[in-house]
């Protein structure tokens, strides 16, 4: 089943969930701040995005800025970066949608991308 890691205060997350409901797509919603994606899911997502770590980070978030990750991320190992994401849901770009069985790996919400991947 499709897992959607989302934050209720995020309008992009709300739009993605609304879109899923409009298309009658079953999903499990997970509060990203309280339950960040597991390392296994992060690794699958990273592979789907051709190893581009930055695509998994919420680069406009306060936590990203306060930790100085703009400068640190290029020098972090992949394991260290994924560990940060797994420990702090605020750092993860959202919504974070994954269904390993059906090979759905989406971060952020762009309707054409979601249509192509899910419908």
PDB file of N, CA and C in Angstrom:
ATOM      1  N   UNK A   1       0.837  -1.184   0.000  1.00  0.00           N
ATOM      2  CA  UNK A   1       0.000   0.000   0.000  1.00  0.00           C
ATOM      3  C   UNK A   1       0.883   1.248   0.000  1.00  0.00           C
ATOM      4  N   UNK A   2       0.376   2.268  -0.614  1.00  0.00           N
ATOM      5  CA  UNK A   2       1.067   3.549  -0.685  1.00  0.00           C
ATOM      6  C   UNK A   2       1.120   4.181   0.709  1.00  0.00           C
ATOM      7  N   UNK A   3       2.329   4.554   1.130  1.00  0.00           N
ATOM      8  CA  UNK A   3       2.506   5.259   2.401  1.00  0.00           C
ATOM      9  C   UNK A   3       2.803   6.714   2.073  1.00  0.00           C
ATOM     10  N   UNK A   4       2.079   7.619   2.730  1.00  0.00           N
ATOM     11  CA  UNK A   4       2.291   9.047   2.551  1.00  0.00           C
ATOM     12  C   UNK A   4       2.734   9.624   3.888  1.00  0.00           C
ATOM     13  N   UNK A   5       3.985  10.062   3.917  1.00  0.00           N
ATOM     14  CA  UNK A   5       4.490  10.766   5.100  1.00  0.00           C
ATOM     15  C   UNK A   5       4.169  12.236   4.869  1.00  0.00           C
ATOM     16  N   UNK A   6       3.378  12.802   5.777  1.00  0.00           N
ATOM     17  CA  UNK A   6       2.899  14.164   5.573  1.00  0.00           C
ATOM     18  C   UNK A   6       2.847  14.916   6.896  1.00  0.00           C
ATOM     19  N   UNK A   7       2.711  16.216   6.780  1.00  0.00           N
ATOM     20  CA  UNK A   7       2.559  17.099   7.944  1.00  0.00           C
ATOM     21  C   UNK A   7       1.245  17.856   7.752  1.00  0.00           C
ATOM     22  N   UNK A   8       0.386  17.829   8.759  1.00  0.00           N
ATOM     23  CA  UNK A   8      -0.946  18.423   8.625  1.00  0.00           C
ATOM     24  C   UNK A   8      -0.907  19.926   8.366  1.00  0.00           C
ATOM     25  N   UNK A   9       0.155  20.601   8.792  1.00  0.00           N
ATOM     26  CA  UNK A   9       0.263  22.041   8.568  1.00  0.00           C
ATOM     27  C   UNK A   9       0.820  22.409   7.209  1.00  0.00           C
ATOM     28  N   UNK A  10       1.073  21.424   6.375  1.00  0.00           N
ATOM     29  CA  UNK A  10       1.687  21.642   5.060  1.00  0.00           C
ATOM     30  C   UNK A  10       0.610  21.623   3.967  1.00  0.00           C
ATOM     31  N   UNK A  11       0.452  22.734   3.270  1.00  0.00           N
ATOM     32  CA  UNK A  11      -0.586  22.808   2.237  1.00  0.00           C
ATOM     33  C   UNK A  11      -0.289  21.861   1.069  1.00  0.00           C
ATOM     34  N   UNK A  12       0.979  21.657   0.758  1.00  0.00           N
ATOM     35  CA  UNK A  12       1.339  20.734  -0.321  1.00  0.00           C
ATOM     36  C   UNK A  12       0.932  19.310   0.053  1.00  0.00           C
ATOM     37  N   UNK A  13       1.132  18.944   1.300  1.00  0.00           N
ATOM     38  CA  UNK A  13       0.715  17.620   1.775  1.00  0.00           C
ATOM     39  C   UNK A  13      -0.805  17.480   1.694  1.00  0.00           C
ATOM     40  N   UNK A  14      -1.508  18.510   2.123  1.00  0.00           N
ATOM     41  CA  UNK A  14      -2.970  18.468   2.066  1.00  0.00           C
ATOM     42  C   UNK A  14      -3.452  18.331   0.624  1.00  0.00           C
ATOM     43  N   UNK A  15      -2.803  19.026  -0.304  1.00  0.00           N
ATOM     44  CA  UNK A  15      -3.179  18.923  -1.720  1.00  0.00           C
ATOM     45  C   UNK A  15      -2.939  17.515  -2.256  1.00  0.00           C
ATOM     46  N   UNK A  16      -1.840  16.904  -1.867  1.00  0.00           N
ATOM     47  CA  UNK A  16      -1.529  15.541  -2.319  1.00  0.00           C
ATOM     48  C   UNK A  16      -2.566  14.554  -1.786  1.00  0.00           C
ATOM     49  N   UNK A  17      -2.920  14.691  -0.521  1.00  0.00           N
ATOM     50  CA  UNK A  17      -3.903  13.788   0.089  1.00  0.00           C
ATOM     51  C   UNK A  17      -5.274  13.997  -0.549  1.00  0.00           C
ATOM     52  N   UNK A  18      -5.620  15.229  -0.803  1.00  0.00           N
ATOM     53  CA  UNK A  18      -6.881  15.530  -1.479  1.00  0.00           C
ATOM     54  C   UNK A  18      -6.905  14.873  -2.862  1.00  0.00           C
ATOM     55  N   UNK A  19      -5.798  14.970  -3.582  1.00  0.00           N
ATOM     56  CA  UNK A  19      -5.701  14.379  -4.919  1.00  0.00           C
ATOM     57  C   UNK A  19      -5.868  12.860  -4.849  1.00  0.00           C
ATOM     58  N   UNK A  20      -5.218  12.229  -3.875  1.00  0.00           N
ATOM     59  CA  UNK A  20      -5.341  10.776  -3.719  1.00  0.00           C
ATOM     60  C   UNK A  20      -6.790  10.379  -3.436  1.00  0.00           C
ATOM     61  N   UNK A  21      -7.448  11.134  -2.576  1.00  0.00           N
ATOM     62  CA  UNK A  21      -8.847  10.835  -2.249  1.00  0.00           C
ATOM     63  C   UNK A  21      -9.745  11.036  -3.467  1.00  0.00           C
ATOM     64  N   UNK A  22      -9.504  12.093  -4.248  1.00  0.00           N
ATOM     65  CA  UNK A  22     -10.300  12.347  -5.454  1.00  0.00           C
ATOM     66  C   UNK A  22     -10.186  11.201  -6.456  1.00  0.00           C
ATOM     67  N   UNK A  23      -9.032  10.545  -6.468  1.00  0.00           N
ATOM     68  CA  UNK A  23      -8.804   9.450  -7.407  1.00  0.00           C
ATOM     69  C   UNK A  23      -9.027   8.074  -6.762  1.00  0.00           C
ATOM     70  N   UNK A  24      -9.586   8.072  -5.561  1.00  0.00           N
ATOM     71  CA  UNK A  24      -9.915   6.842  -4.827  1.00  0.00           C
ATOM     72  C   UNK A  24      -8.721   5.897  -4.718  1.00  0.00           C
ATOM     73  N   UNK A  25      -7.562   6.465  -4.430  1.00  0.00           N
ATOM     74  CA  UNK A  25      -6.340   5.676  -4.277  1.00  0.00           C
ATOM     75  C   UNK A  25      -6.134   5.402  -2.793  1.00  0.00           C
ATOM     76  N   UNK A  26      -6.108   4.128  -2.418  1.00  0.00           N
ATOM     77  CA  UNK A  26      -5.902   3.819  -0.999  1.00  0.00           C
ATOM     78  C   UNK A  26      -4.479   4.168  -0.562  1.00  0.00           C
ATOM     79  N   UNK A  27      -4.361   4.689   0.651  1.00  0.00           N
ATOM     80  CA  UNK A  27      -3.053   5.061   1.180  1.00  0.00           C
ATOM     81  C   UNK A  27      -3.080   5.054   2.693  1.00  0.00           C
ATOM     82  N   UNK A  28      -1.895   4.981   3.258  1.00  0.00           N
ATOM     83  CA  UNK A  28      -1.727   5.084   4.702  1.00  0.00           C
ATOM     84  C   UNK A  28      -1.022   6.406   4.961  1.00  0.00           C
ATOM     85  N   UNK A  29      -1.641   7.264   5.746  1.00  0.00           N
ATOM     86  CA  UNK A  29      -1.026   8.554   6.079  1.00  0.00           C
ATOM     87  C   UNK A  29      -0.236   8.422   7.374  1.00  0.00           C
ATOM     88  N   UNK A  30       1.010   8.904   7.340  1.00  0.00           N
ATOM     89  CA  UNK A  30       1.895   8.819   8.500  1.00  0.00           C
ATOM     90  C   UNK A  30       2.392  10.223   8.815  1.00  0.00           C
ATOM     91  N   UNK A  31       2.313  10.598  10.076  1.00  0.00           N
ATOM     92  CA  UNK A  31       2.780  11.917  10.507  1.00  0.00           C
ATOM     93  C   UNK A  31       4.306  11.951  10.431  1.00  0.00           C
ATOM     94  N   UNK A  32       4.826  12.725   9.506  1.00  0.00           N
ATOM     95  CA  UNK A  32       6.262  12.727   9.201  1.00  0.00           C
ATOM     96  C   UNK A  32       7.118  13.252  10.353  1.00  0.00           C
ATOM     97  N   UNK A  33       6.596  14.191  11.121  1.00  0.00           N
ATOM     98  CA  UNK A  33       7.383  14.747  12.223  1.00  0.00           C
ATOM     99  C   UNK A  33       7.551  13.732  13.346  1.00  0.00           C
ATOM    100  N   UNK A  34       6.486  13.000  13.630  1.00  0.00           N
ATOM    101  CA  UNK A  34       6.509  12.023  14.708  1.00  0.00           C
ATOM    102  C   UNK A  34       7.140  10.705  14.277  1.00  0.00           C
ATOM    103  N   UNK A  35       6.952  10.337  13.012  1.00  0.00           N
ATOM    104  CA  UNK A  35       7.443   9.060  12.496  1.00  0.00           C
ATOM    105  C   UNK A  35       8.116   9.292  11.148  1.00  0.00           C
ATOM    106  N   UNK A  36       9.369   9.693  11.152  1.00  0.00           N
ATOM    107  CA  UNK A  36      10.073   9.903   9.881  1.00  0.00           C
ATOM    108  C   UNK A  36      10.210   8.581   9.116  1.00  0.00           C
ATOM    109  N   UNK A  37      10.425   8.654   7.812  1.00  0.00           N
ATOM    110  CA  UNK A  37      10.612   7.424   7.034  1.00  0.00           C
ATOM    111  C   UNK A  37      11.793   6.613   7.567  1.00  0.00           C
ATOM    112  N   UNK A  38      11.663   5.298   7.504  1.00  0.00           N
ATOM    113  CA  UNK A  38      12.722   4.398   7.948  1.00  0.00           C
ATOM    114  C   UNK A  38      13.892   4.448   6.967  1.00  0.00           C
ATOM    115  N   UNK A  39      15.054   4.050   7.450  1.00  0.00           N
ATOM    116  CA  UNK A  39      16.248   4.033   6.606  1.00  0.00           C
ATOM    117  C   UNK A  39      16.032   3.240   5.318  1.00  0.00           C
ATOM    118  N   UNK A  40      15.334   2.112   5.419  1.00  0.00           N
ATOM    119  CA  UNK A  40      15.086   1.288   4.229  1.00  0.00           C
ATOM    120  C   UNK A  40      14.297   2.070   3.181  1.00  0.00           C
ATOM    121  N   UNK A  41      13.255   2.775   3.612  1.00  0.00           N
ATOM    122  CA  UNK A  41      12.453   3.577   2.668  1.00  0.00           C
ATOM    123  C   UNK A  41      13.271   4.734   2.107  1.00  0.00           C
ATOM    124  N   UNK A  42      14.093   5.335   2.936  1.00  0.00           N
ATOM    125  CA  UNK A  42      14.938   6.441   2.470  1.00  0.00           C
ATOM    126  C   UNK A  42      15.931   5.957   1.410  1.00  0.00           C
ATOM    127  N   UNK A  43      16.467   4.763   1.595  1.00  0.00           N
ATOM    128  CA  UNK A  43      17.415   4.214   0.622  1.00  0.00           C
ATOM    129  C   UNK A  43      16.723   3.922  -0.709  1.00  0.00           C
ATOM    130  N   UNK A  44      15.500   3.400  -0.649  1.00  0.00           N
ATOM    131  CA  UNK A  44      14.731   3.136  -1.871  1.00  0.00           C
ATOM    132  C   UNK A  44      14.448   4.455  -2.591  1.00  0.00           C
ATOM    133  N   UNK A  45      14.050   5.469  -1.827  1.00  0.00           N
ATOM    134  CA  UNK A  45      13.747   6.777  -2.418  1.00  0.00           C
ATOM    135  C   UNK A  45      15.007   7.398  -3.034  1.00  0.00           C
ATOM    136  N   UNK A  46      16.114   7.281  -2.349  1.00  0.00           N
ATOM    137  CA  UNK A  46      17.365   7.832  -2.856  1.00  0.00           C
ATOM    138  C   UNK A  46      17.746   7.173  -4.182  1.00  0.00           C
ATOM    139  N   UNK A  47      17.612   5.857  -4.254  1.00  0.00           N
ATOM    140  CA  UNK A  47      17.924   5.137  -5.502  1.00  0.00           C
ATOM    141  C   UNK A  47      17.001   5.594  -6.625  1.00  0.00           C
ATOM    142  N   UNK A  48      15.722   5.819  -6.305  1.00  0.00           N
ATOM    143  CA  UNK A  48      14.759   6.266  -7.315  1.00  0.00           C
ATOM    144  C   UNK A  48      15.081   7.665  -7.827  1.00  0.00           C
ATOM    145  N   UNK A  49      15.789   8.447  -7.016  1.00  0.00           N
ATOM    146  CA  UNK A  49      16.177   9.807  -7.404  1.00  0.00           C
ATOM    147  C   UNK A  49      17.660   9.879  -7.767  1.00  0.00           C
ATOM    148  N   UNK A  50      18.157   8.757  -8.267  1.00  0.00           N
ATOM    149  CA  UNK A  50      19.506   8.658  -8.821  1.00  0.00           C
ATOM    150  C   UNK A  50      20.602   9.133  -7.865  1.00  0.00           C
ATOM    151  N   UNK A  51      20.392   8.862  -6.579  1.00  0.00           N
ATOM    152  CA  UNK A  51      21.417   9.180  -5.590  1.00  0.00           C
ATOM    153  C   UNK A  51      21.533  10.638  -5.215  1.00  0.00           C
ATOM    154  N   UNK A  52      20.591  11.464  -5.645  1.00  0.00           N
ATOM    155  CA  UNK A  52      20.639  12.902  -5.336  1.00  0.00           C
ATOM    156  C   UNK A  52      20.040  13.165  -3.952  1.00  0.00           C
ATOM    157  N   UNK A  53      20.911  13.194  -2.953  1.00  0.00           N
ATOM    158  CA  UNK A  53      20.466  13.385  -1.570  1.00  0.00           C
ATOM    159  C   UNK A  53      19.643  14.651  -1.374  1.00  0.00           C
ATOM    160  N   UNK A  54      20.046  15.722  -2.014  1.00  0.00           N
ATOM    161  CA  UNK A  54      19.372  17.016  -1.821  1.00  0.00           C
ATOM    162  C   UNK A  54      17.872  16.921  -2.131  1.00  0.00           C
ATOM    163  N   UNK A  55      17.500  16.047  -3.055  1.00  0.00           N
ATOM    164  CA  UNK A  55      16.084  15.904  -3.416  1.00  0.00           C
ATOM    165  C   UNK A  55      15.233  15.360  -2.273  1.00  0.00           C
ATOM    166  N   UNK A  56      15.862  14.722  -1.305  1.00  0.00           N
ATOM    167  CA  UNK A  56      15.118  14.162  -0.178  1.00  0.00           C
ATOM    168  C   UNK A  56      14.987  15.134   0.984  1.00  0.00           C
ATOM    169  N   UNK A  57      15.727  16.225   0.922  1.00  0.00           N
ATOM    170  CA  UNK A  57      15.728  17.192   2.022  1.00  0.00           C
ATOM    171  C   UNK A  57      14.752  18.337   1.787  1.00  0.00           C
ATOM    172  N   UNK A  58      14.115  18.772   2.874  1.00  0.00           N
ATOM    173  CA  UNK A  58      13.254  19.946   2.864  1.00  0.00           C
ATOM    174  C   UNK A  58      14.172  21.164   2.981  1.00  0.00           C
ATOM    175  N   UNK A  59      14.696  21.604   1.836  1.00  0.00           N
ATOM    176  CA  UNK A  59      15.728  22.643   1.833  1.00  0.00           C
ATOM    177  C   UNK A  59      15.192  24.021   2.243  1.00  0.00           C
ATOM    178  N   UNK A  60      13.883  24.182   2.288  1.00  0.00           N
ATOM    179  CA  UNK A  60      13.341  25.472   2.719  1.00  0.00           C
ATOM    180  C   UNK A  60      12.923  25.458   4.188  1.00  0.00           C
ATOM    181  N   UNK A  61      13.150  24.326   4.862  1.00  0.00           N
ATOM    182  CA  UNK A  61      12.735  24.204   6.252  1.00  0.00           C
ATOM    183  C   UNK A  61      13.691  24.874   7.230  1.00  0.00           C
ATOM    184  N   UNK A  62      13.157  25.225   8.395  1.00  0.00           N
ATOM    185  CA  UNK A  62      13.958  25.874   9.437  1.00  0.00           C
ATOM    186  C   UNK A  62      15.058  24.961   9.965  1.00  0.00           C
ATOM    187  N   UNK A  63      14.750  23.673  10.135  1.00  0.00           N
ATOM    188  CA  UNK A  63      15.759  22.742  10.662  1.00  0.00           C
ATOM    189  C   UNK A  63      16.937  22.629   9.698  1.00  0.00           C
ATOM    190  N   UNK A  64      16.651  22.572   8.406  1.00  0.00           N
ATOM    191  CA  UNK A  64      17.702  22.480   7.385  1.00  0.00           C
ATOM    192  C   UNK A  64      18.629  23.684   7.490  1.00  0.00           C
ATOM    193  N   UNK A  65      18.014  24.871   7.614  1.00  0.00           N
ATOM    194  CA  UNK A  65      18.807  26.102   7.698  1.00  0.00           C
ATOM    195  C   UNK A  65      19.562  26.205   9.015  1.00  0.00           C
ATOM    196  N   UNK A  66      18.886  25.882  10.119  1.00  0.00           N
ATOM    197  CA  UNK A  66      19.539  26.032  11.429  1.00  0.00           C
ATOM    198  C   UNK A  66      20.715  25.068  11.598  1.00  0.00           C
ATOM    199  N   UNK A  67      20.668  23.919  10.929  1.00  0.00           N
ATOM    200  CA  UNK A  67      21.778  22.963  11.003  1.00  0.00           C
ATOM    201  C   UNK A  67      22.875  23.258   9.980  1.00  0.00           C
ATOM    202  N   UNK A  68      22.657  24.301   9.177  1.00  0.00           N
ATOM    203  CA  UNK A  68      23.659  24.688   8.182  1.00  0.00           C
ATOM    204  C   UNK A  68      23.883  23.626   7.115  1.00  0.00           C
ATOM    205  N   UNK A  69      22.824  22.895   6.786  1.00  0.00           N
ATOM    206  CA  UNK A  69      22.983  21.780   5.859  1.00  0.00           C
ATOM    207  C   UNK A  69      23.262  22.199   4.418  1.00  0.00           C
ATOM    208  N   UNK A  70      22.978  23.434   4.083  1.00  0.00           N
ATOM    209  CA  UNK A  70      23.304  23.898   2.731  1.00  0.00           C
ATOM    210  C   UNK A  70      24.795  23.701   2.463  1.00  0.00           C
ATOM    211  N   UNK A  71      25.597  24.021   3.466  1.00  0.00           N
ATOM    212  CA  UNK A  71      27.050  23.894   3.327  1.00  0.00           C
ATOM    213  C   UNK A  71      27.556  22.503   3.715  1.00  0.00           C
ATOM    214  N   UNK A  72      26.881  21.854   4.669  1.00  0.00           N
ATOM    215  CA  UNK A  72      27.350  20.566   5.178  1.00  0.00           C
ATOM    216  C   UNK A  72      26.956  19.384   4.290  1.00  0.00           C
ATOM    217  N   UNK A  73      25.783  19.464   3.656  1.00  0.00           N
ATOM    218  CA  UNK A  73      25.266  18.316   2.908  1.00  0.00           C
ATOM    219  C   UNK A  73      26.237  17.786   1.846  1.00  0.00           C
ATOM    220  N   UNK A  74      26.882  18.664   1.071  1.00  0.00           N
ATOM    221  CA  UNK A  74      27.796  18.132   0.054  1.00  0.00           C
ATOM    222  C   UNK A  74      28.958  17.314   0.616  1.00  0.00           C
ATOM    223  N   UNK A  75      29.299  17.532   1.888  1.00  0.00           N
ATOM    224  CA  UNK A  75      30.438  16.811   2.468  1.00  0.00           C
ATOM    225  C   UNK A  75      30.009  15.627   3.331  1.00  0.00           C
ATOM    226  N   UNK A  76      28.719  15.486   3.581  1.00  0.00           N
ATOM    227  CA  UNK A  76      28.231  14.376   4.403  1.00  0.00           C
ATOM    228  C   UNK A  76      28.251  13.077   3.607  1.00  0.00           C
ATOM    229  N   UNK A  77      28.520  11.987   4.298  1.00  0.00           N
ATOM    230  CA  UNK A  77      28.403  10.684   3.643  1.00  0.00           C
ATOM    231  C   UNK A  77      26.917  10.387   3.443  1.00  0.00           C
ATOM    232  N   UNK A  78      26.627   9.509   2.521  1.00  0.00           N
ATOM    233  CA  UNK A  78      25.228   9.122   2.274  1.00  0.00           C
ATOM    234  C   UNK A  78      24.614   8.557   3.541  1.00  0.00           C
ATOM    235  N   UNK A  79      25.336   7.692   4.241  1.00  0.00           N
ATOM    236  CA  UNK A  79      24.815   7.093   5.470  1.00  0.00           C
ATOM    237  C   UNK A  79      24.502   8.148   6.526  1.00  0.00           C
ATOM    238  N   UNK A  80      25.383   9.130   6.684  1.00  0.00           N
ATOM    239  CA  UNK A  80      25.161  10.193   7.676  1.00  0.00           C
ATOM    240  C   UNK A  80      23.943  11.035   7.299  1.00  0.00           C
ATOM    241  N   UNK A  81      23.799  11.344   6.026  1.00  0.00           N
ATOM    242  CA  UNK A  81      22.660  12.149   5.572  1.00  0.00           C
ATOM    243  C   UNK A  81      21.350  11.390   5.768  1.00  0.00           C
ATOM    244  N   UNK A  82      21.331  10.122   5.418  1.00  0.00           N
ATOM    245  CA  UNK A  82      20.112   9.326   5.588  1.00  0.00           C
ATOM    246  C   UNK A  82      19.766   9.159   7.061  1.00  0.00           C
ATOM    247  N   UNK A  83      20.781   9.048   7.909  1.00  0.00           N
ATOM    248  CA  UNK A  83      20.551   8.943   9.357  1.00  0.00           C
ATOM    249  C   UNK A  83      19.885  10.226   9.873  1.00  0.00           C
ATOM    250  N   UNK A  84      20.354  11.375   9.404  1.00  0.00           N
ATOM    251  CA  UNK A  84      19.727  12.649   9.783  1.00  0.00           C
ATOM    252  C   UNK A  84      18.247  12.664   9.400  1.00  0.00           C
ATOM    253  N   UNK A  85      17.946  12.231   8.181  1.00  0.00           N
ATOM    254  CA  UNK A  85      16.560  12.208   7.706  1.00  0.00           C
ATOM    255  C   UNK A  85      15.707  11.246   8.534  1.00  0.00           C
ATOM    256  N   UNK A  86      16.256  10.087   8.851  1.00  0.00           N
ATOM    257  CA  UNK A  86      15.504   9.082   9.608  1.00  0.00           C
ATOM    258  C   UNK A  86      15.236   9.521  11.040  1.00  0.00           C
ATOM    259  N   UNK A  87      16.053  10.441  11.546  1.00  0.00           N
ATOM    260  CA  UNK A  87      15.902  10.903  12.926  1.00  0.00           C
ATOM    261  C   UNK A  87      15.103  12.193  13.057  1.00  0.00           C
ATOM    262  N   UNK A  88      14.943  12.928  11.962  1.00  0.00           N
ATOM    263  CA  UNK A  88      14.273  14.228  12.031  1.00  0.00           C
ATOM    264  C   UNK A  88      13.344  14.411  10.832  1.00  0.00           C
ATOM    265  N   UNK A  89      12.066  14.137  11.039  1.00  0.00           N
ATOM    266  CA  UNK A  89      11.075  14.249   9.971  1.00  0.00           C
ATOM    267  C   UNK A  89      10.950  15.641   9.385  1.00  0.00           C
ATOM    268  N   UNK A  90      11.350  16.661  10.151  1.00  0.00           N
ATOM    269  CA  UNK A  90      11.297  18.036   9.629  1.00  0.00           C
ATOM    270  C   UNK A  90      12.287  18.242   8.485  1.00  0.00           C
ATOM    271  N   UNK A  91      13.303  17.407   8.414  1.00  0.00           N
ATOM    272  CA  UNK A  91      14.312  17.554   7.368  1.00  0.00           C
ATOM    273  C   UNK A  91      13.886  16.908   6.041  1.00  0.00           C
ATOM    274  N   UNK A  92      12.869  16.050   6.088  1.00  0.00           N
ATOM    275  CA  UNK A  92      12.447  15.290   4.908  1.00  0.00           C
ATOM    276  C   UNK A  92      11.505  16.117   4.036  1.00  0.00           C
ATOM    277  N   UNK A  93      11.800  16.147   2.737  1.00  0.00           N
ATOM    278  CA  UNK A  93      10.905  16.835   1.797  1.00  0.00           C
ATOM    279  C   UNK A  93       9.569  16.111   1.818  1.00  0.00           C
ATOM    280  N   UNK A  94       8.514  16.896   1.854  1.00  0.00           N
ATOM    281  CA  UNK A  94       7.180  16.311   1.960  1.00  0.00           C
ATOM    282  C   UNK A  94       6.238  16.857   0.902  1.00  0.00           C
ATOM    283  N   UNK A  95       5.204  16.121   0.595  1.00  0.00           N
ATOM    284  CA  UNK A  95       4.947  14.769   1.075  1.00  0.00           C
ATOM    285  C   UNK A  95       5.965  13.785   0.516  1.00  0.00           C
ATOM    286  N   UNK A  96       6.153  12.715   1.259  1.00  0.00           N
ATOM    287  CA  UNK A  96       7.088  11.648   0.917  1.00  0.00           C
ATOM    288  C   UNK A  96       6.210  10.433   0.689  1.00  0.00           C
ATOM    289  N   UNK A  97       6.054  10.015  -0.560  1.00  0.00           N
ATOM    290  CA  UNK A  97       5.135   8.929  -0.907  1.00  0.00           C
ATOM    291  C   UNK A  97       5.922   7.737  -1.429  1.00  0.00           C
ATOM    292  N   UNK A  98       5.678   6.580  -0.829  1.00  0.00           N
ATOM    293  CA  UNK A  98       6.434   5.396  -1.239  1.00  0.00           C
ATOM    294  C   UNK A  98       5.559   4.144  -1.198  1.00  0.00           C
ATOM    295  N   UNK A  99       5.725   3.351  -2.208  1.00  0.00           N
ATOM    296  CA  UNK A  99       5.100   2.029  -2.301  1.00  0.00           C
ATOM    297  C   UNK A  99       6.108   1.157  -3.039  1.00  0.00           C
ATOM    298  N   UNK A 100       6.958   0.479  -2.292  1.00  0.00           N
ATOM    299  CA  UNK A 100       8.042  -0.309  -2.888  1.00  0.00           C
ATOM    300  C   UNK A 100       7.505  -1.391  -3.822  1.00  0.00           C
ATOM    301  N   UNK A 101       6.404  -2.004  -3.448  1.00  0.00           N
ATOM    302  CA  UNK A 101       5.830  -3.091  -4.254  1.00  0.00           C
ATOM    303  C   UNK A 101       5.466  -2.600  -5.655  1.00  0.00           C
ATOM    304  N   UNK A 102       4.868  -1.409  -5.718  1.00  0.00           N
ATOM    305  CA  UNK A 102       4.429  -0.855  -7.009  1.00  0.00           C
ATOM    306  C   UNK A 102       5.406   0.166  -7.586  1.00  0.00           C
ATOM    307  N   UNK A 103       6.579   0.244  -6.981  1.00  0.00           N
ATOM    308  CA  UNK A 103       7.662   1.125  -7.451  1.00  0.00           C
ATOM    309  C   UNK A 103       7.231   2.601  -7.563  1.00  0.00           C
ATOM    310  N   UNK A 104       6.552   3.078  -6.525  1.00  0.00           N
ATOM    311  CA  UNK A 104       6.179   4.488  -6.448  1.00  0.00           C
ATOM    312  C   UNK A 104       7.107   5.155  -5.444  1.00  0.00           C
ATOM    313  N   UNK A 105       7.829   6.176  -5.904  1.00  0.00           N
ATOM    314  CA  UNK A 105       8.769   6.906  -5.047  1.00  0.00           C
ATOM    315  C   UNK A 105       8.669   8.387  -5.408  1.00  0.00           C
ATOM    316  N   UNK A 106       7.905   9.131  -4.624  1.00  0.00           N
ATOM    317  CA  UNK A 106       7.669  10.537  -4.931  1.00  0.00           C
ATOM    318  C   UNK A 106       7.959  11.423  -3.719  1.00  0.00           C
ATOM    319  N   UNK A 107       8.624  12.540  -3.963  1.00  0.00           N
ATOM    320  CA  UNK A 107       8.793  13.558  -2.925  1.00  0.00           C
ATOM    321  C   UNK A 107       8.267  14.865  -3.488  1.00  0.00           C
ATOM    322  N   UNK A 108       7.584  15.629  -2.630  1.00  0.00           N
ATOM    323  CA  UNK A 108       6.924  16.829  -3.118  1.00  0.00           C
ATOM    324  C   UNK A 108       5.661  16.427  -3.861  1.00  0.00           C
ATOM    325  N   UNK A 109       4.856  17.399  -4.232  1.00  0.00           N
ATOM    326  CA  UNK A 109       3.633  17.078  -4.971  1.00  0.00           C
ATOM    327  C   UNK A 109       3.559  17.909  -6.242  1.00  0.00           C
ATOM    328  N   UNK A 110       3.731  17.218  -7.346  1.00  0.00           N
ATOM    329  CA  UNK A 110       3.504  17.796  -8.666  1.00  0.00           C
ATOM    330  C   UNK A 110       2.531  16.847  -9.342  1.00  0.00           C
ATOM    331  N   UNK A 111       1.316  17.333  -9.582  1.00  0.00           N
ATOM    332  CA  UNK A 111       0.246  16.465 -10.066  1.00  0.00           C
ATOM    333  C   UNK A 111       0.631  15.622 -11.281  1.00  0.00           C
ATOM    334  N   UNK A 112       1.280  16.185 -12.314  1.00  0.00           N
ATOM    335  CA  UNK A 112       1.625  15.336 -13.466  1.00  0.00           C
ATOM    336  C   UNK A 112       2.548  14.168 -13.097  1.00  0.00           C
ATOM    337  N   UNK A 113       3.481  14.393 -12.181  1.00  0.00           N
ATOM    338  CA  UNK A 113       4.385  13.327 -11.755  1.00  0.00           C
ATOM    339  C   UNK A 113       3.604  12.244 -10.991  1.00  0.00           C
ATOM    340  N   UNK A 114       2.707  12.674 -10.142  1.00  0.00           N
ATOM    341  CA  UNK A 114       1.909  11.719  -9.367  1.00  0.00           C
ATOM    342  C   UNK A 114       0.994  10.926 -10.286  1.00  0.00           C
ATOM    343  N   UNK A 115       0.384  11.606 -11.260  1.00  0.00           N
ATOM    344  CA  UNK A 115      -0.479  10.921 -12.220  1.00  0.00           C
ATOM    345  C   UNK A 115       0.291   9.828 -12.945  1.00  0.00           C
ATOM    346  N   UNK A 116       1.463  10.169 -13.441  1.00  0.00           N
ATOM    347  CA  UNK A 116       2.277   9.220 -14.200  1.00  0.00           C
ATOM    348  C   UNK A 116       2.709   8.031 -13.334  1.00  0.00           C
ATOM    349  N   UNK A 117       3.000   8.271 -12.079  1.00  0.00           N
ATOM    350  CA  UNK A 117       3.514   7.223 -11.203  1.00  0.00           C
ATOM    351  C   UNK A 117       2.428   6.351 -10.587  1.00  0.00           C
ATOM    352  N   UNK A 118       1.238   6.929 -10.370  1.00  0.00           N
ATOM    353  CA  UNK A 118       0.217   6.224  -9.591  1.00  0.00           C
ATOM    354  C   UNK A 118      -0.968   5.745 -10.417  1.00  0.00           C
ATOM    355  N   UNK A 119      -1.406   6.556 -11.370  1.00  0.00           N
ATOM    356  CA  UNK A 119      -2.623   6.173 -12.120  1.00  0.00           C
ATOM    357  C   UNK A 119      -2.341   5.208 -13.239  1.00  0.00           C
TER     358      UNK A 119
END
